[in-house]
Amino acid sequence: MDIRTATQPRIATGLTAGIGLTVVLLTLRALSPEEPSENLPELVQDFFTLSISVVIESLPFVFLGVILSIGVQLFVPARVFTRLLPTHPVARRAVMSLLGVLLPVCECGNVPLARGLLVKGLSVPEAMTFLLAAPILNPVTIITTYQAFGWDHGILLGRILGGFAIANLIGWLFSMHPRQEQLLTPRFEATCHVDHDKPVEGSRFRRGVLAFAEETSTMLPALIVGSAVAGAIQVGVSRDLLATLGGHPVLSVLALMALAFIIAICSNVDAFFILSFGSTFLPGSIVAFLVFGAMVDVKMLALLRTTFTASTLLRVTLTVGLCCLVLGLGVNLLA
């Protein structure tokens, strides 16, 4: 059975579930009275208010990111990047990290693109630099982060500069590996051949529709779950505990890094997710959340495991985590 044919029912199910949940939440929001209902406990009211507000704020940017990602994948050949890159390794990786400005894909969509770049001849460090930087250094993420926090406490600048620096550091570290092919899984070559030999048939419109269904079937459920978790944490966790963790310069950073890893929300909308924590947690912990979650989370590791070995991903996770901890502590000291 063709791999793409087998995954179509899963895509349709995910897309239907995501759209259905979104419609339900938006309908509840539209039909809810202006004044709180006395029949619902206050915690339940707060949960729905927080969860639905995150969905409403994030949804337009999710669709925008999906549409832009599909446009890049359909109309921009991978060979264009290899021809425009400089020859010096450091300069090549720096340019690769900045490609997110032109390729507005979050971590959900940049893994297939990076795999294609590897097949076209880019090195593992160059592809790794792109993978880590692109979810942060793309216009959709930058705009949503600015809309959520503006220029307050250096959160936006910390995310941009921190993401750029950490991605290039990872690229430099892996460039010193003596046998870079060992960083890739043995099945990666075969998987690339399958993707190349069995492309999706039909017009660009049909391929775009299928890609839209696949992207939204992944993002919408993640957005709904992420929004619900945000609301549940806000109403379910003791305010005193949050205040204790949020005010500690080290524990606040570690707590939000752990949250970013588990929740695995898209970098295009994570600024809205964490916005409600801004009054409780220190700015450095917010920056650590925004950088660490965009580079390493449960969902991202599952996608990357198709290309990189487990030991490679372990090293990436530990290095990025240490860098984000230092970044968060530094922002806390300066804020």
C-alpha atoms as a PDB file:
ATOM      1  CA  MET A   1       0.000   0.000   0.000  1.00  0.00           C
ATOM      2  CA  ASP A   2       1.259   3.490  -0.830  1.00  0.00           C
ATOM      3  CA  ILE A   3       2.429   5.355   2.270  1.00  0.00           C
ATOM      4  CA  ARG A   4       0.610   8.524   1.279  1.00  0.00           C
ATOM      5  CA  THR A   5      -2.619   6.620   0.570  1.00  0.00           C
ATOM      6  CA  ALA A   6      -2.449   4.940   3.954  1.00  0.00           C
ATOM      7  CA  THR A   7      -2.076   8.215   5.801  1.00  0.00           C
ATOM      8  CA  GLN A   8      -5.014   9.952   4.100  1.00  0.00           C
ATOM      9  CA  PRO A   9      -7.675   8.544   6.495  1.00  0.00           C
ATOM     10  CA  ARG A  10      -5.551   9.691   9.458  1.00  0.00           C
ATOM     11  CA  ILE A  11      -5.213  13.165   7.947  1.00  0.00           C
ATOM     12  CA  ALA A  12      -8.956  13.390   7.304  1.00  0.00           C
ATOM     13  CA  THR A  13      -9.750  12.238  10.842  1.00  0.00           C
ATOM     14  CA  GLY A  14      -7.324  14.701  12.421  1.00  0.00           C
ATOM     15  CA  LEU A  15      -8.543  17.574  10.261  1.00  0.00           C
ATOM     16  CA  THR A  16     -12.198  16.810  11.018  1.00  0.00           C
ATOM     17  CA  ALA A  17     -11.510  16.534  14.754  1.00  0.00           C
ATOM     18  CA  GLY A  18      -9.518  19.761  14.818  1.00  0.00           C
ATOM     19  CA  ILE A  19     -12.107  21.749  12.880  1.00  0.00           C
ATOM     20  CA  GLY A  20     -14.921  20.245  14.938  1.00  0.00           C
ATOM     21  CA  LEU A  21     -13.281  21.201  18.227  1.00  0.00           C
ATOM     22  CA  THR A  22     -12.582  24.693  16.943  1.00  0.00           C
ATOM     23  CA  VAL A  23     -16.176  25.180  15.814  1.00  0.00           C
ATOM     24  CA  VAL A  24     -17.486  23.949  19.158  1.00  0.00           C
ATOM     25  CA  LEU A  25     -15.275  26.328  21.140  1.00  0.00           C
ATOM     26  CA  LEU A  26     -16.038  29.306  18.926  1.00  0.00           C
ATOM     27  CA  THR A  27     -19.772  28.516  19.108  1.00  0.00           C
ATOM     28  CA  LEU A  28     -19.610  28.341  22.900  1.00  0.00           C
ATOM     29  CA  ARG A  29     -17.808  31.657  22.915  1.00  0.00           C
ATOM     30  CA  ALA A  30     -20.387  33.281  20.607  1.00  0.00           C
ATOM     31  CA  LEU A  31     -23.379  31.959  22.547  1.00  0.00           C
ATOM     32  CA  SER A  32     -22.004  32.587  26.014  1.00  0.00           C
ATOM     33  CA  PRO A  33     -23.636  35.429  27.926  1.00  0.00           C
ATOM     34  CA  GLU A  34     -21.780  38.648  28.615  1.00  0.00           C
ATOM     35  CA  GLU A  35     -22.248  38.201  32.332  1.00  0.00           C
ATOM     36  CA  PRO A  36     -20.856  35.035  33.959  1.00  0.00           C
ATOM     37  CA  SER A  37     -23.387  32.316  34.562  1.00  0.00           C
ATOM     38  CA  GLU A  38     -24.083  31.608  38.188  1.00  0.00           C
ATOM     39  CA  ASN A  39     -24.768  27.954  37.322  1.00  0.00           C
ATOM     40  CA  LEU A  40     -21.108  27.299  36.504  1.00  0.00           C
ATOM     41  CA  PRO A  41     -18.369  27.241  39.119  1.00  0.00           C
ATOM     42  CA  GLU A  42     -15.919  30.100  38.899  1.00  0.00           C
ATOM     43  CA  LEU A  43     -13.035  27.755  38.036  1.00  0.00           C
ATOM     44  CA  VAL A  44     -14.954  26.340  35.062  1.00  0.00           C
ATOM     45  CA  GLN A  45     -15.787  29.836  33.834  1.00  0.00           C
ATOM     46  CA  ASP A  46     -12.150  30.864  34.094  1.00  0.00           C
ATOM     47  CA  PHE A  47     -11.041  27.703  32.288  1.00  0.00           C
ATOM     48  CA  PHE A  48     -13.303  28.297  29.285  1.00  0.00           C
ATOM     49  CA  THR A  49     -12.519  32.006  29.167  1.00  0.00           C
ATOM     50  CA  LEU A  50      -8.754  31.453  29.135  1.00  0.00           C
ATOM     51  CA  SER A  51      -8.832  28.492  26.760  1.00  0.00           C
ATOM     52  CA  ILE A  52     -11.165  30.007  24.195  1.00  0.00           C
ATOM     53  CA  SER A  53      -9.379  33.345  24.194  1.00  0.00           C
ATOM     54  CA  VAL A  54      -6.105  31.611  23.289  1.00  0.00           C
ATOM     55  CA  VAL A  55      -7.823  29.799  20.410  1.00  0.00           C
ATOM     56  CA  ILE A  56      -9.436  32.972  19.074  1.00  0.00           C
ATOM     57  CA  GLU A  57      -6.175  34.926  19.204  1.00  0.00           C
ATOM     58  CA  SER A  58      -4.075  32.154  17.686  1.00  0.00           C
ATOM     59  CA  LEU A  59      -6.272  30.675  14.965  1.00  0.00           C
ATOM     60  CA  PRO A  60      -5.700  33.324  12.239  1.00  0.00           C
ATOM     61  CA  PHE A  61      -1.938  33.007  12.595  1.00  0.00           C
ATOM     62  CA  VAL A  62      -2.097  29.213  12.442  1.00  0.00           C
ATOM     63  CA  PHE A  63      -3.882  29.337   9.096  1.00  0.00           C
ATOM     64  CA  LEU A  64      -1.539  32.053   7.837  1.00  0.00           C
ATOM     65  CA  GLY A  65       1.481  29.965   8.749  1.00  0.00           C
ATOM     66  CA  VAL A  66       0.028  26.888   7.031  1.00  0.00           C
ATOM     67  CA  ILE A  67      -0.753  28.781   3.823  1.00  0.00           C
ATOM     68  CA  LEU A  68       2.694  30.385   3.660  1.00  0.00           C
ATOM     69  CA  SER A  69       4.374  27.060   4.370  1.00  0.00           C
ATOM     70  CA  ILE A  70       2.482  25.353   1.555  1.00  0.00           C
ATOM     71  CA  GLY A  71       3.373  28.163  -0.847  1.00  0.00           C
ATOM     72  CA  VAL A  72       7.059  27.720  -0.076  1.00  0.00           C
ATOM     73  CA  GLN A  73       6.934  23.951  -0.518  1.00  0.00           C
ATOM     74  CA  LEU A  74       5.053  24.131  -3.822  1.00  0.00           C
ATOM     75  CA  PHE A  75       6.754  27.058  -5.547  1.00  0.00           C
ATOM     76  CA  VAL A  76      10.318  27.312  -4.173  1.00  0.00           C
ATOM     77  CA  PRO A  77      12.693  24.520  -5.311  1.00  0.00           C
ATOM     78  CA  ALA A  78      15.297  23.412  -2.788  1.00  0.00           C
ATOM     79  CA  ARG A  79      18.104  23.962  -5.330  1.00  0.00           C
ATOM     80  CA  VAL A  80      17.492  27.709  -5.137  1.00  0.00           C
ATOM     81  CA  PHE A  81      18.923  27.773  -1.618  1.00  0.00           C
ATOM     82  CA  THR A  82      22.099  25.872  -2.460  1.00  0.00           C
ATOM     83  CA  ARG A  83      22.937  28.249  -5.315  1.00  0.00           C
ATOM     84  CA  LEU A  84      22.559  31.374  -3.191  1.00  0.00           C
ATOM     85  CA  LEU A  85      24.503  30.253  -0.114  1.00  0.00           C
ATOM     86  CA  PRO A  86      28.038  31.592   0.524  1.00  0.00           C
ATOM     87  CA  THR A  87      30.995  29.208   0.488  1.00  0.00           C
ATOM     88  CA  HIS A  88      32.427  29.834   3.984  1.00  0.00           C
ATOM     89  CA  PRO A  89      30.948  27.322   6.482  1.00  0.00           C
ATOM     90  CA  VAL A  90      30.225  29.894   9.210  1.00  0.00           C
ATOM     91  CA  ALA A  91      28.612  32.290   6.729  1.00  0.00           C
ATOM     92  CA  ARG A  92      26.585  29.436   5.183  1.00  0.00           C
ATOM     93  CA  ARG A  93      25.184  28.436   8.562  1.00  0.00           C
ATOM     94  CA  ALA A  94      24.418  32.058   9.433  1.00  0.00           C
ATOM     95  CA  VAL A  95      22.485  32.481   6.196  1.00  0.00           C
ATOM     96  CA  MET A  96      20.711  29.165   6.774  1.00  0.00           C
ATOM     97  CA  SER A  97      19.592  30.357  10.195  1.00  0.00           C
ATOM     98  CA  LEU A  98      18.160  33.510   8.614  1.00  0.00           C
ATOM     99  CA  LEU A  99      16.226  31.640   5.926  1.00  0.00           C
ATOM    100  CA  GLY A 100      13.310  31.561   8.329  1.00  0.00           C
ATOM    101  CA  VAL A 101      12.733  35.220   7.459  1.00  0.00           C
ATOM    102  CA  LEU A 102      11.946  34.129   3.888  1.00  0.00           C
ATOM    103  CA  LEU A 103      10.521  30.710   4.770  1.00  0.00           C
ATOM    104  CA  PRO A 104       7.783  31.296   7.349  1.00  0.00           C
ATOM    105  CA  VAL A 105       7.410  27.699   8.499  1.00  0.00           C
ATOM    106  CA  CYS A 106       7.191  26.642  12.120  1.00  0.00           C
ATOM    107  CA  GLU A 107       8.697  23.456  13.525  1.00  0.00           C
ATOM    108  CA  CYS A 108       5.705  21.495  12.220  1.00  0.00           C
ATOM    109  CA  GLY A 109       6.561  22.226   8.590  1.00  0.00           C
ATOM    110  CA  ASN A 110      10.311  22.762   8.403  1.00  0.00           C
ATOM    111  CA  VAL A 111      11.372  19.133   8.956  1.00  0.00           C
ATOM    112  CA  PRO A 112      10.298  17.937   5.471  1.00  0.00           C
ATOM    113  CA  LEU A 113      11.899  21.035   3.961  1.00  0.00           C
ATOM    114  CA  ALA A 114      15.169  20.395   5.812  1.00  0.00           C
ATOM    115  CA  ARG A 115      15.152  16.767   4.677  1.00  0.00           C
ATOM    116  CA  GLY A 116      14.854  17.974   1.118  1.00  0.00           C
ATOM    117  CA  LEU A 117      17.776  20.351   1.627  1.00  0.00           C
ATOM    118  CA  LEU A 118      19.880  17.470   2.935  1.00  0.00           C
ATOM    119  CA  VAL A 119      19.054  15.436  -0.147  1.00  0.00           C
ATOM    120  CA  LYS A 120      20.059  18.388  -2.323  1.00  0.00           C
ATOM    121  CA  GLY A 121      23.545  18.418  -0.796  1.00  0.00           C
ATOM    122  CA  LEU A 122      23.466  20.606   2.314  1.00  0.00           C
ATOM    123  CA  SER A 123      25.476  19.345   5.265  1.00  0.00           C
ATOM    124  CA  VAL A 124      24.006  18.109   8.537  1.00  0.00           C
ATOM    125  CA  PRO A 125      25.193  21.200  10.509  1.00  0.00           C
ATOM    126  CA  GLU A 126      23.610  23.518   7.929  1.00  0.00           C
ATOM    127  CA  ALA A 127      20.315  21.648   7.998  1.00  0.00           C
ATOM    128  CA  MET A 128      20.397  21.508  11.801  1.00  0.00           C
ATOM    129  CA  THR A 129      20.989  25.257  12.002  1.00  0.00           C
ATOM    130  CA  PHE A 130      17.984  25.862   9.777  1.00  0.00           C
ATOM    131  CA  LEU A 131      15.804  23.451  11.745  1.00  0.00           C
ATOM    132  CA  LEU A 132      16.488  25.172  15.048  1.00  0.00           C
ATOM    133  CA  ALA A 133      16.417  28.784  13.848  1.00  0.00           C
ATOM    134  CA  ALA A 134      13.569  28.781  11.320  1.00  0.00           C
ATOM    135  CA  PRO A 135      10.706  28.321  13.828  1.00  0.00           C
ATOM    136  CA  ILE A 136      11.870  31.471  15.654  1.00  0.00           C
ATOM    137  CA  LEU A 137      13.289  33.672  12.885  1.00  0.00           C
ATOM    138  CA  ASN A 138      10.233  33.733  10.677  1.00  0.00           C
ATOM    139  CA  PRO A 139       7.886  36.696  10.236  1.00  0.00           C
ATOM    140  CA  VAL A 140       4.784  34.974  11.607  1.00  0.00           C
ATOM    141  CA  THR A 141       6.519  34.040  14.869  1.00  0.00           C
ATOM    142  CA  ILE A 142       8.122  37.470  15.198  1.00  0.00           C
ATOM    143  CA  ILE A 143       4.802  39.245  14.590  1.00  0.00           C
ATOM    144  CA  THR A 144       2.863  37.089  17.066  1.00  0.00           C
ATOM    145  CA  THR A 145       5.564  37.520  19.704  1.00  0.00           C
ATOM    146  CA  TYR A 146       5.489  41.285  19.204  1.00  0.00           C
ATOM    147  CA  GLN A 147       1.695  41.392  19.403  1.00  0.00           C
ATOM    148  CA  ALA A 148       1.777  39.402  22.632  1.00  0.00           C
ATOM    149  CA  PHE A 149       4.631  41.197  24.437  1.00  0.00           C
ATOM    150  CA  GLY A 150       5.684  44.206  22.353  1.00  0.00           C
ATOM    151  CA  TRP A 151       9.124  45.416  23.424  1.00  0.00           C
ATOM    152  CA  ASP A 152       8.490  44.727  27.125  1.00  0.00           C
ATOM    153  CA  HIS A 153      11.420  43.370  29.177  1.00  0.00           C
ATOM    154  CA  GLY A 154      13.417  42.420  26.069  1.00  0.00           C
ATOM    155  CA  ILE A 155      11.349  39.272  25.493  1.00  0.00           C
ATOM    156  CA  LEU A 156      11.119  39.743  21.721  1.00  0.00           C
ATOM    157  CA  LEU A 157      14.801  40.629  21.309  1.00  0.00           C
ATOM    158  CA  GLY A 158      15.820  37.828  23.664  1.00  0.00           C
ATOM    159  CA  ARG A 159      13.910  35.328  21.585  1.00  0.00           C
ATOM    160  CA  ILE A 160      15.308  36.521  18.235  1.00  0.00           C
ATOM    161  CA  LEU A 161      18.934  36.953  19.294  1.00  0.00           C
ATOM    162  CA  GLY A 162      18.906  33.876  21.534  1.00  0.00           C
ATOM    163  CA  GLY A 163      17.412  31.696  18.819  1.00  0.00           C
ATOM    164  CA  PHE A 164      19.967  32.884  16.272  1.00  0.00           C
ATOM    165  CA  ALA A 165      22.920  32.363  18.614  1.00  0.00           C
ATOM    166  CA  ILE A 166      21.875  28.912  19.864  1.00  0.00           C
ATOM    167  CA  ALA A 167      21.094  27.592  16.372  1.00  0.00           C
ATOM    168  CA  ASN A 168      24.493  28.687  15.066  1.00  0.00           C
ATOM    169  CA  LEU A 169      26.240  27.282  18.134  1.00  0.00           C
ATOM    170  CA  ILE A 170      24.619  23.885  17.523  1.00  0.00           C
ATOM    171  CA  GLY A 171      25.606  24.043  13.855  1.00  0.00           C
ATOM    172  CA  TRP A 172      29.202  24.847  14.775  1.00  0.00           C
ATOM    173  CA  LEU A 173      29.406  22.033  17.321  1.00  0.00           C
ATOM    174  CA  PHE A 174      28.114  19.434  14.863  1.00  0.00           C
ATOM    175  CA  SER A 175      30.382  20.751  12.103  1.00  0.00           C
ATOM    176  CA  MET A 176      33.309  19.378  14.124  1.00  0.00           C
ATOM    177  CA  HIS A 177      31.926  15.832  14.046  1.00  0.00           C
ATOM    178  CA  PRO A 178      34.418  13.680  12.088  1.00  0.00           C
ATOM    179  CA  ARG A 179      31.769  11.503  10.380  1.00  0.00           C
ATOM    180  CA  GLN A 180      28.587  13.503   9.977  1.00  0.00           C
ATOM    181  CA  GLU A 181      26.763  10.717   8.143  1.00  0.00           C
ATOM    182  CA  GLN A 182      26.640   8.873  11.469  1.00  0.00           C
ATOM    183  CA  LEU A 183      24.348  11.596  12.782  1.00  0.00           C
ATOM    184  CA  LEU A 184      21.619  10.416  10.377  1.00  0.00           C
ATOM    185  CA  THR A 185      19.462   7.309  10.668  1.00  0.00           C
ATOM    186  CA  PRO A 186      20.230   4.457   8.253  1.00  0.00           C
ATOM    187  CA  ARG A 187      16.659   4.621   6.957  1.00  0.00           C
ATOM    188  CA  PHE A 188      16.852   8.289   6.017  1.00  0.00           C
ATOM    189  CA  GLU A 189      18.252   7.592   2.544  1.00  0.00           C
ATOM    190  CA  ALA A 190      15.538   5.048   1.766  1.00  0.00           C
ATOM    191  CA  THR A 191      12.817   7.355   3.050  1.00  0.00           C
ATOM    192  CA  CYS A 192      14.057  10.170   0.814  1.00  0.00           C
ATOM    193  CA  HIS A 193      13.961   7.840  -2.182  1.00  0.00           C
ATOM    194  CA  VAL A 194      10.359   6.921  -1.388  1.00  0.00           C
ATOM    195  CA  ASP A 195       9.403  10.591  -1.206  1.00  0.00           C
ATOM    196  CA  HIS A 196      11.206  11.301  -4.467  1.00  0.00           C
ATOM    197  CA  ASP A 197       9.974   8.287  -6.432  1.00  0.00           C
ATOM    198  CA  LYS A 198       6.328   8.575  -5.354  1.00  0.00           C
ATOM    199  CA  PRO A 199       5.389  12.241  -5.463  1.00  0.00           C
ATOM    200  CA  VAL A 200       1.816  13.347  -4.974  1.00  0.00           C
ATOM    201  CA  GLU A 201       0.083  13.306  -8.342  1.00  0.00           C
ATOM    202  CA  GLY A 202      -2.177  16.027  -9.656  1.00  0.00           C
ATOM    203  CA  SER A 203      -2.157  19.782 -10.008  1.00  0.00           C
ATOM    204  CA  ARG A 204      -0.558  22.211  -7.609  1.00  0.00           C
ATOM    205  CA  PHE A 205      -4.029  23.068  -6.364  1.00  0.00           C
ATOM    206  CA  ARG A 206      -4.708  19.440  -5.424  1.00  0.00           C
ATOM    207  CA  ARG A 207      -1.308  19.088  -3.775  1.00  0.00           C
ATOM    208  CA  GLY A 208      -1.914  22.329  -1.915  1.00  0.00           C
ATOM    209  CA  VAL A 209      -5.285  21.113  -0.633  1.00  0.00           C
ATOM    210  CA  LEU A 210      -3.760  17.841   0.564  1.00  0.00           C
ATOM    211  CA  ALA A 211      -0.895  19.705   2.228  1.00  0.00           C
ATOM    212  CA  PHE A 212      -3.342  22.097   3.899  1.00  0.00           C
ATOM    213  CA  ALA A 213      -5.351  19.162   5.236  1.00  0.00           C
ATOM    214  CA  GLU A 214      -2.224  17.480   6.574  1.00  0.00           C
ATOM    215  CA  GLU A 215      -0.840  20.629   8.216  1.00  0.00           C
ATOM    216  CA  THR A 216      -4.127  21.669   9.817  1.00  0.00           C
ATOM    217  CA  SER A 217      -4.843  18.119  11.003  1.00  0.00           C
ATOM    218  CA  THR A 218      -1.635  18.419  13.015  1.00  0.00           C
ATOM    219  CA  MET A 219      -1.871  22.026  14.172  1.00  0.00           C
ATOM    220  CA  LEU A 220      -5.543  22.385  15.099  1.00  0.00           C
ATOM    221  CA  PRO A 221      -5.662  19.529  17.627  1.00  0.00           C
ATOM    222  CA  ALA A 222      -2.339  20.737  19.082  1.00  0.00           C
ATOM    223  CA  LEU A 223      -3.727  24.251  19.367  1.00  0.00           C
ATOM    224  CA  ILE A 224      -6.906  23.066  21.086  1.00  0.00           C
ATOM    225  CA  VAL A 225      -5.020  20.842  23.517  1.00  0.00           C
ATOM    226  CA  GLY A 226      -2.449  23.543  24.195  1.00  0.00           C
ATOM    227  CA  SER A 227      -5.126  26.112  24.877  1.00  0.00           C
ATOM    228  CA  ALA A 228      -6.952  23.731  27.204  1.00  0.00           C
ATOM    229  CA  VAL A 229      -3.750  22.967  29.103  1.00  0.00           C
ATOM    230  CA  ALA A 230      -3.043  26.676  29.435  1.00  0.00           C
ATOM    231  CA  GLY A 231      -6.483  27.237  30.890  1.00  0.00           C
ATOM    232  CA  ALA A 232      -6.261  24.186  33.161  1.00  0.00           C
ATOM    233  CA  ILE A 233      -2.883  25.206  34.537  1.00  0.00           C
ATOM    234  CA  GLN A 234      -4.067  28.730  35.237  1.00  0.00           C
ATOM    235  CA  VAL A 235      -7.160  27.591  37.149  1.00  0.00           C
ATOM    236  CA  GLY A 236      -5.896  24.281  38.561  1.00  0.00           C
ATOM    237  CA  VAL A 237      -2.488  25.170  39.928  1.00  0.00           C
ATOM    238  CA  SER A 238      -2.248  27.070  43.160  1.00  0.00           C
ATOM    239  CA  ARG A 239      -1.598  30.773  42.642  1.00  0.00           C
ATOM    240  CA  ASP A 240       0.796  30.685  45.569  1.00  0.00           C
ATOM    241  CA  LEU A 241       2.791  27.880  43.910  1.00  0.00           C
ATOM    242  CA  LEU A 242       2.881  29.748  40.607  1.00  0.00           C
ATOM    243  CA  ALA A 243       3.994  32.891  42.374  1.00  0.00           C
ATOM    244  CA  THR A 244       6.716  30.966  44.199  1.00  0.00           C
ATOM    245  CA  LEU A 245       8.043  29.345  41.015  1.00  0.00           C
ATOM    246  CA  GLY A 246       7.478  32.378  38.850  1.00  0.00           C
ATOM    247  CA  GLY A 247       9.427  34.697  41.081  1.00  0.00           C
ATOM    248  CA  HIS A 248      12.462  32.437  41.460  1.00  0.00           C
ATOM    249  CA  PRO A 249      15.178  33.319  38.925  1.00  0.00           C
ATOM    250  CA  VAL A 250      16.199  29.670  38.352  1.00  0.00           C
ATOM    251  CA  LEU A 251      13.085  27.592  39.120  1.00  0.00           C
ATOM    252  CA  SER A 252      10.902  29.808  36.941  1.00  0.00           C
ATOM    253  CA  VAL A 253      13.151  29.144  33.928  1.00  0.00           C
ATOM    254  CA  LEU A 254      13.263  25.385  34.526  1.00  0.00           C
ATOM    255  CA  ALA A 255       9.502  25.186  35.087  1.00  0.00           C
ATOM    256  CA  LEU A 256       8.588  26.894  31.824  1.00  0.00           C
ATOM    257  CA  MET A 257      11.209  24.966  29.853  1.00  0.00           C
ATOM    258  CA  ALA A 258       9.628  21.742  31.101  1.00  0.00           C
ATOM    259  CA  LEU A 259       6.200  23.072  30.168  1.00  0.00           C
ATOM    260  CA  ALA A 260       7.410  24.009  26.676  1.00  0.00           C
ATOM    261  CA  PHE A 261       8.842  20.531  26.138  1.00  0.00           C
ATOM    262  CA  ILE A 262       5.635  18.764  27.162  1.00  0.00           C
ATOM    263  CA  ILE A 263       2.995  20.995  25.623  1.00  0.00           C
ATOM    264  CA  ALA A 264       4.690  21.040  22.177  1.00  0.00           C
ATOM    265  CA  ILE A 265       2.686  23.972  20.857  1.00  0.00           C
ATOM    266  CA  CYS A 266       3.493  25.546  17.486  1.00  0.00           C
ATOM    267  CA  SER A 267       5.989  28.416  17.551  1.00  0.00           C
ATOM    268  CA  ASN A 268       3.574  30.553  15.509  1.00  0.00           C
ATOM    269  CA  VAL A 269       1.178  30.710  18.448  1.00  0.00           C
ATOM    270  CA  ASP A 270       3.215  29.908  21.569  1.00  0.00           C
ATOM    271  CA  ALA A 271       3.532  33.598  22.458  1.00  0.00           C
ATOM    272  CA  PHE A 272      -0.245  33.786  22.950  1.00  0.00           C
ATOM    273  CA  PHE A 273      -0.143  30.576  24.972  1.00  0.00           C
ATOM    274  CA  ILE A 274       2.430  31.902  27.428  1.00  0.00           C
ATOM    275  CA  LEU A 275       1.036  35.445  27.535  1.00  0.00           C
ATOM    276  CA  SER A 276      -1.220  34.683  30.491  1.00  0.00           C
ATOM    277  CA  PHE A 277       1.865  33.630  32.492  1.00  0.00           C
ATOM    278  CA  GLY A 278       3.550  36.995  31.942  1.00  0.00           C
ATOM    279  CA  SER A 279       2.232  38.538  35.140  1.00  0.00           C
ATOM    280  CA  THR A 280       3.424  35.603  37.263  1.00  0.00           C
ATOM    281  CA  PHE A 281       6.734  34.462  35.790  1.00  0.00           C
ATOM    282  CA  LEU A 282       9.935  36.435  35.279  1.00  0.00           C
ATOM    283  CA  PRO A 283      10.808  37.621  31.738  1.00  0.00           C
ATOM    284  CA  GLY A 284      13.772  35.248  31.502  1.00  0.00           C
ATOM    285  CA  SER A 285      11.541  32.232  32.006  1.00  0.00           C
ATOM    286  CA  ILE A 286       9.213  33.489  29.252  1.00  0.00           C
ATOM    287  CA  VAL A 287      12.173  33.851  26.871  1.00  0.00           C
ATOM    288  CA  ALA A 288      13.437  30.371  27.782  1.00  0.00           C
ATOM    289  CA  PHE A 289       9.964  28.959  27.076  1.00  0.00           C
ATOM    290  CA  LEU A 290       9.737  30.700  23.701  1.00  0.00           C
ATOM    291  CA  VAL A 291      13.193  29.607  22.570  1.00  0.00           C
ATOM    292  CA  PHE A 292      13.370  26.082  24.010  1.00  0.00           C
ATOM    293  CA  GLY A 293       9.859  25.083  22.954  1.00  0.00           C
ATOM    294  CA  ALA A 294      10.404  26.265  19.385  1.00  0.00           C
ATOM    295  CA  MET A 295      13.592  24.203  19.084  1.00  0.00           C
ATOM    296  CA  VAL A 296      12.977  21.089  21.171  1.00  0.00           C
ATOM    297  CA  ASP A 297       9.724  19.503  22.304  1.00  0.00           C
ATOM    298  CA  VAL A 298       8.058  16.106  22.255  1.00  0.00           C
ATOM    299  CA  LYS A 299       6.445  16.622  18.867  1.00  0.00           C
ATOM    300  CA  MET A 300       9.621  18.019  17.296  1.00  0.00           C
ATOM    301  CA  LEU A 301      11.743  15.121  18.542  1.00  0.00           C
ATOM    302  CA  ALA A 302       9.275  12.629  17.078  1.00  0.00           C
ATOM    303  CA  LEU A 303       9.551  14.334  13.687  1.00  0.00           C
ATOM    304  CA  LEU A 304      13.333  14.628  13.841  1.00  0.00           C
ATOM    305  CA  ARG A 305      13.717  10.968  14.816  1.00  0.00           C
ATOM    306  CA  THR A 306      12.867  10.076  11.222  1.00  0.00           C
ATOM    307  CA  THR A 307      16.096  11.765  10.137  1.00  0.00           C
ATOM    308  CA  PHE A 308      18.568  11.887  13.046  1.00  0.00           C
ATOM    309  CA  THR A 309      19.766   9.188  15.441  1.00  0.00           C
ATOM    310  CA  ALA A 310      18.607   9.103  19.045  1.00  0.00           C
ATOM    311  CA  SER A 311      22.084   9.987  20.337  1.00  0.00           C
ATOM    312  CA  THR A 312      22.187  13.024  18.047  1.00  0.00           C
ATOM    313  CA  LEU A 313      18.837  14.256  19.308  1.00  0.00           C
ATOM    314  CA  LEU A 314      19.885  13.667  22.921  1.00  0.00           C
ATOM    315  CA  ARG A 315      22.933  15.858  22.419  1.00  0.00           C
ATOM    316  CA  VAL A 316      20.852  18.523  20.709  1.00  0.00           C
ATOM    317  CA  THR A 317      18.262  18.501  23.514  1.00  0.00           C
ATOM    318  CA  LEU A 318      20.825  18.768  26.305  1.00  0.00           C
ATOM    319  CA  THR A 319      22.818  21.507  24.563  1.00  0.00           C
ATOM    320  CA  VAL A 320      19.773  23.571  23.665  1.00  0.00           C
ATOM    321  CA  GLY A 321      18.385  23.119  27.176  1.00  0.00           C
ATOM    322  CA  LEU A 322      21.606  24.318  28.804  1.00  0.00           C
ATOM    323  CA  CYS A 323      21.804  27.305  26.455  1.00  0.00           C
ATOM    324  CA  CYS A 324      18.179  28.265  27.124  1.00  0.00           C
ATOM    325  CA  LEU A 325      18.762  28.036  30.871  1.00  0.00           C
ATOM    326  CA  VAL A 326      21.734  30.401  30.577  1.00  0.00           C
ATOM    327  CA  LEU A 327      19.709  32.696  28.289  1.00  0.00           C
ATOM    328  CA  GLY A 328      16.809  32.800  30.733  1.00  0.00           C
ATOM    329  CA  LEU A 329      19.037  33.523  33.702  1.00  0.00           C
ATOM    330  CA  GLY A 330      20.769  36.277  31.752  1.00  0.00           C
ATOM    331  CA  VAL A 331      17.492  37.955  30.827  1.00  0.00           C
ATOM    332  CA  ASN A 332      16.350  37.752  34.459  1.00  0.00           C
ATOM    333  CA  LEU A 333      19.523  39.479  35.558  1.00  0.00           C
ATOM    334  CA  LEU A 334      19.091  42.282  33.025  1.00  0.00           C
ATOM    335  CA  ALA A 335      15.321  42.727  33.385  1.00  0.00           C
END
